[in-house]
Amino acid sequence: MIVLDFEGTIYNEAALRQEYRKIFNAYGLDFETFSRIALKHGHFSLESINKINIENLDREEIIKKCLEVLNHGEKYLYPDAAKFIKDCNCRIGILSFGDQGYQMLKIKGSGIFKNTSKIEITCWDKSDCGQMLPEANVYVDNEIEVLKRIGSKYKKINLYFIDRGGYAGEIPSSIKRINKLTDIKWNSKS
């Protein structure tokens, strides 16, 4: 099984947040301020909008507009990832970090739900996710520290760092595009 991190690896979270900025700005809210408020109450989620204490704020309308964006989340998939997931002839698992309900909304809205064998969402360290990682042959993430922790715990997994831009260091197992996994020789039995 190939396990893929969701945000930053196959899903362009930065583009989604740009869309959220437009919605929040239309209501006179600063998205960065909202994000800080949301994180004080746990992980980012749409329910966090209800924690904003501004009189006469139409919270329901903001949530409705954000849900409309999430329901068309296929446009936030990186094109190489969308093609790889659609065309892959092996089992694919998605491992994501954050609020369970919110992450599932994004995953379902992206359209990849039907092409995945397993989905695991955690609020803790991804290396502690025991459902998929023990059976994974390959794990791809855009965060080096996560890869290091998973690599120290699961020695048989082939780890790949996906560089979506901005990383200046050298990584031996680095790929620029998810579809490059098809060029790599690895055991695809599971």
Foldseek 3Di string as FASTA:
>chain_A
DEEEEDDPTFFPVVVLVVQLCVLQVVQVHGSVVLCVQCVVVPFDALVSLVVDPDPPRPSVVSSVSSLVCLLQRLVRTDVLNVVCLVPPPAAYEYEYETDPVRVVSNVVSSVSVVSHDYYYYYPDQSLPDDPPLQPAQEYEDQDPVSQVSNCVNHVRHHYEHADCDDDDDDDPRYDPGPNCVVVDDTDRPD
